[in-house]
Amino acid sequence: MLTQVLVAEFLTAGHFDRHLAVVRAEHKLRHAAMSAAIEHHLPPGTLHVEPVEGGMYLWARLPPAEDAVAVLQEAKGLGVIFVNGDAFYTDGGGRQHMRLCFSSVP
């Protein structure tokens, strides 16, 4: 198929490797920008950003008294969306966790 030939050429010509380097560099900048914005704009102790090994998200934890679902409802009203931690726990945990995507935020 034509698309397979085009993808094969894209890969063998090294275009994918160059593209991947650009995307990784951009995501590194966006990760740093979101981390810095959280640190700069939120009062200390409001949100703890936990280090991750990879991906396009920050994993954050609210203080124990806070509930990510309630924060999400308020955030939606301000045009901010995140995935609350409940979606990632099978044991009912994650109520204070938030997954914040930085890949789609310029």
C-alpha atoms as a PDB file:
ATOM      1  CA  MET A   1       0.000   0.000   0.000  1.00  0.00           C
ATOM      2  CA  LEU A   2       1.126   3.539  -0.650  1.00  0.00           C
ATOM      3  CA  THR A   3       0.831   4.580   2.996  1.00  0.00           C
ATOM      4  CA  GLN A   4       3.059   1.681   4.073  1.00  0.00           C
ATOM      5  CA  VAL A   5       5.698   2.697   1.535  1.00  0.00           C
ATOM      6  CA  LEU A   6       5.545   6.292   2.759  1.00  0.00           C
ATOM      7  CA  VAL A   7       5.887   5.261   6.421  1.00  0.00           C
ATOM      8  CA  ALA A   8       8.770   2.936   5.568  1.00  0.00           C
ATOM      9  CA  GLU A   9      10.554   5.778   3.747  1.00  0.00           C
ATOM     10  CA  PHE A  10       9.862   8.163   6.624  1.00  0.00           C
ATOM     11  CA  LEU A  11      11.441   5.703   9.057  1.00  0.00           C
ATOM     12  CA  THR A  12      14.426   4.608   6.981  1.00  0.00           C
ATOM     13  CA  ALA A  13      15.315   8.189   6.027  1.00  0.00           C
ATOM     14  CA  GLY A  14      15.661   9.094   9.712  1.00  0.00           C
ATOM     15  CA  HIS A  15      12.732  11.520   9.754  1.00  0.00           C
ATOM     16  CA  PHE A  16      11.058   9.765  12.676  1.00  0.00           C
ATOM     17  CA  ASP A  17      14.183   9.967  14.838  1.00  0.00           C
ATOM     18  CA  ARG A  18      14.479  13.707  14.163  1.00  0.00           C
ATOM     19  CA  HIS A  19      10.764  14.207  14.819  1.00  0.00           C
ATOM     20  CA  LEU A  20      11.010  12.260  18.070  1.00  0.00           C
ATOM     21  CA  ALA A  21      13.918  14.427  19.246  1.00  0.00           C
ATOM     22  CA  VAL A  22      11.881  17.584  18.572  1.00  0.00           C
ATOM     23  CA  VAL A  23       8.806  16.211  20.362  1.00  0.00           C
ATOM     24  CA  ARG A  24      10.854  15.100  23.370  1.00  0.00           C
ATOM     25  CA  ALA A  25      12.515  18.502  23.657  1.00  0.00           C
ATOM     26  CA  GLU A  26       9.160  20.278  23.435  1.00  0.00           C
ATOM     27  CA  HIS A  27       7.573  18.033  26.051  1.00  0.00           C
ATOM     28  CA  LYS A  28      10.522  18.579  28.364  1.00  0.00           C
ATOM     29  CA  LEU A  29       9.895  22.338  28.111  1.00  0.00           C
ATOM     30  CA  ARG A  30       6.166  21.936  28.712  1.00  0.00           C
ATOM     31  CA  HIS A  31       6.794  19.659  31.705  1.00  0.00           C
ATOM     32  CA  ALA A  32       9.133  22.245  33.210  1.00  0.00           C
ATOM     33  CA  ALA A  33       6.710  25.095  32.479  1.00  0.00           C
ATOM     34  CA  MET A  34       3.755  23.363  34.131  1.00  0.00           C
ATOM     35  CA  SER A  35       5.848  22.367  37.147  1.00  0.00           C
ATOM     36  CA  ALA A  36       7.143  25.926  37.513  1.00  0.00           C
ATOM     37  CA  ALA A  37       3.641  27.397  37.130  1.00  0.00           C
ATOM     38  CA  ILE A  38       2.290  25.148  39.879  1.00  0.00           C
ATOM     39  CA  GLU A  39       5.136  26.108  42.178  1.00  0.00           C
ATOM     40  CA  HIS A  40       4.790  29.814  41.361  1.00  0.00           C
ATOM     41  CA  HIS A  41       1.003  30.210  41.438  1.00  0.00           C
ATOM     42  CA  LEU A  42      -0.167  27.828  44.139  1.00  0.00           C
ATOM     43  CA  PRO A  43       0.423  28.370  47.829  1.00  0.00           C
ATOM     44  CA  PRO A  44       2.885  25.941  49.435  1.00  0.00           C
ATOM     45  CA  GLY A  45       1.252  22.692  50.474  1.00  0.00           C
ATOM     46  CA  THR A  46      -1.653  23.073  48.033  1.00  0.00           C
ATOM     47  CA  LEU A  47      -0.448  20.504  45.532  1.00  0.00           C
ATOM     48  CA  HIS A  48       2.454  18.078  45.710  1.00  0.00           C
ATOM     49  CA  VAL A  49       3.791  17.137  42.271  1.00  0.00           C
ATOM     50  CA  GLU A  50       5.312  13.682  42.329  1.00  0.00           C
ATOM     51  CA  PRO A  51       8.212  12.853  39.997  1.00  0.00           C
ATOM     52  CA  VAL A  52       7.465  10.471  37.131  1.00  0.00           C
ATOM     53  CA  GLU A  53       9.807   8.505  34.896  1.00  0.00           C
ATOM     54  CA  GLY A  54       8.102   9.375  31.623  1.00  0.00           C
ATOM     55  CA  GLY A  55       4.907  10.219  29.873  1.00  0.00           C
ATOM     56  CA  MET A  56       3.141  13.482  29.178  1.00  0.00           C
ATOM     57  CA  TYR A  57       1.566  14.019  32.576  1.00  0.00           C
ATOM     58  CA  LEU A  58       2.336  15.291  36.020  1.00  0.00           C
ATOM     59  CA  TRP A  59       1.007  13.186  38.874  1.00  0.00           C
ATOM     60  CA  ALA A  60      -0.119  15.497  41.661  1.00  0.00           C
ATOM     61  CA  ARG A  61      -1.495  14.946  45.157  1.00  0.00           C
ATOM     62  CA  LEU A  62      -3.837  17.251  47.033  1.00  0.00           C
ATOM     63  CA  PRO A  63      -3.753  17.593  50.827  1.00  0.00           C
ATOM     64  CA  PRO A  64      -5.632  14.783  52.662  1.00  0.00           C
ATOM     65  CA  ALA A  65      -8.692  16.949  53.366  1.00  0.00           C
ATOM     66  CA  GLU A  66      -9.201  17.694  49.651  1.00  0.00           C
ATOM     67  CA  ASP A  67     -11.066  15.568  47.106  1.00  0.00           C
ATOM     68  CA  ALA A  68      -9.915  15.566  43.472  1.00  0.00           C
ATOM     69  CA  VAL A  69     -13.449  14.962  42.171  1.00  0.00           C
ATOM     70  CA  ALA A  70     -14.706  18.099  43.920  1.00  0.00           C
ATOM     71  CA  VAL A  71     -11.698  20.069  42.662  1.00  0.00           C
ATOM     72  CA  LEU A  72     -12.368  18.788  39.137  1.00  0.00           C
ATOM     73  CA  GLN A  73     -15.956  20.041  39.241  1.00  0.00           C
ATOM     74  CA  GLU A  74     -14.779  23.502  40.265  1.00  0.00           C
ATOM     75  CA  ALA A  75     -11.936  23.441  37.734  1.00  0.00           C
ATOM     76  CA  LYS A  76     -14.315  22.581  34.870  1.00  0.00           C
ATOM     77  CA  GLY A  77     -16.148  25.827  35.567  1.00  0.00           C
ATOM     78  CA  LEU A  78     -12.855  27.632  34.991  1.00  0.00           C
ATOM     79  CA  GLY A  79     -12.077  25.754  31.768  1.00  0.00           C
ATOM     80  CA  VAL A  80      -9.509  23.422  33.341  1.00  0.00           C
ATOM     81  CA  ILE A  81      -9.750  19.666  32.929  1.00  0.00           C
ATOM     82  CA  PHE A  82      -7.690  16.879  34.496  1.00  0.00           C
ATOM     83  CA  VAL A  83      -8.204  13.218  35.274  1.00  0.00           C
ATOM     84  CA  ASN A  84      -8.858  12.506  38.930  1.00  0.00           C
ATOM     85  CA  GLY A  85      -6.863   9.706  40.511  1.00  0.00           C
ATOM     86  CA  ASP A  86      -9.851   7.419  41.085  1.00  0.00           C
ATOM     87  CA  ALA A  87      -9.535   6.259  37.472  1.00  0.00           C
ATOM     88  CA  PHE A  88      -6.116   4.723  38.217  1.00  0.00           C
ATOM     89  CA  TYR A  89      -6.845   2.849  41.451  1.00  0.00           C
ATOM     90  CA  THR A  90      -8.682  -0.445  41.777  1.00  0.00           C
ATOM     91  CA  ASP A  91      -8.818  -0.259  45.569  1.00  0.00           C
ATOM     92  CA  GLY A  92     -10.790   2.977  45.962  1.00  0.00           C
ATOM     93  CA  GLY A  93      -7.662   5.071  46.428  1.00  0.00           C
ATOM     94  CA  GLY A  94      -6.667   8.106  44.442  1.00  0.00           C
ATOM     95  CA  ARG A  95      -9.197  10.531  45.908  1.00  0.00           C
ATOM     96  CA  GLN A  96      -6.474  13.145  46.431  1.00  0.00           C
ATOM     97  CA  HIS A  97      -4.621  12.481  43.167  1.00  0.00           C
ATOM     98  CA  MET A  98      -4.755  14.322  39.863  1.00  0.00           C
ATOM     99  CA  ARG A  99      -3.176  13.510  36.494  1.00  0.00           C
ATOM    100  CA  LEU A 100      -2.285  16.786  34.767  1.00  0.00           C
ATOM    101  CA  CYS A 101      -1.516  16.635  31.047  1.00  0.00           C
ATOM    102  CA  PHE A 102       1.076  19.090  29.769  1.00  0.00           C
ATOM    103  CA  SER A 103       1.359  17.839  26.176  1.00  0.00           C
ATOM    104  CA  SER A 104      -1.634  19.784  24.863  1.00  0.00           C
ATOM    105  CA  VAL A 105      -0.901  23.020  26.709  1.00  0.00           C
ATOM    106  CA  PRO A 106       1.344  25.452  24.809  1.00  0.00           C
END
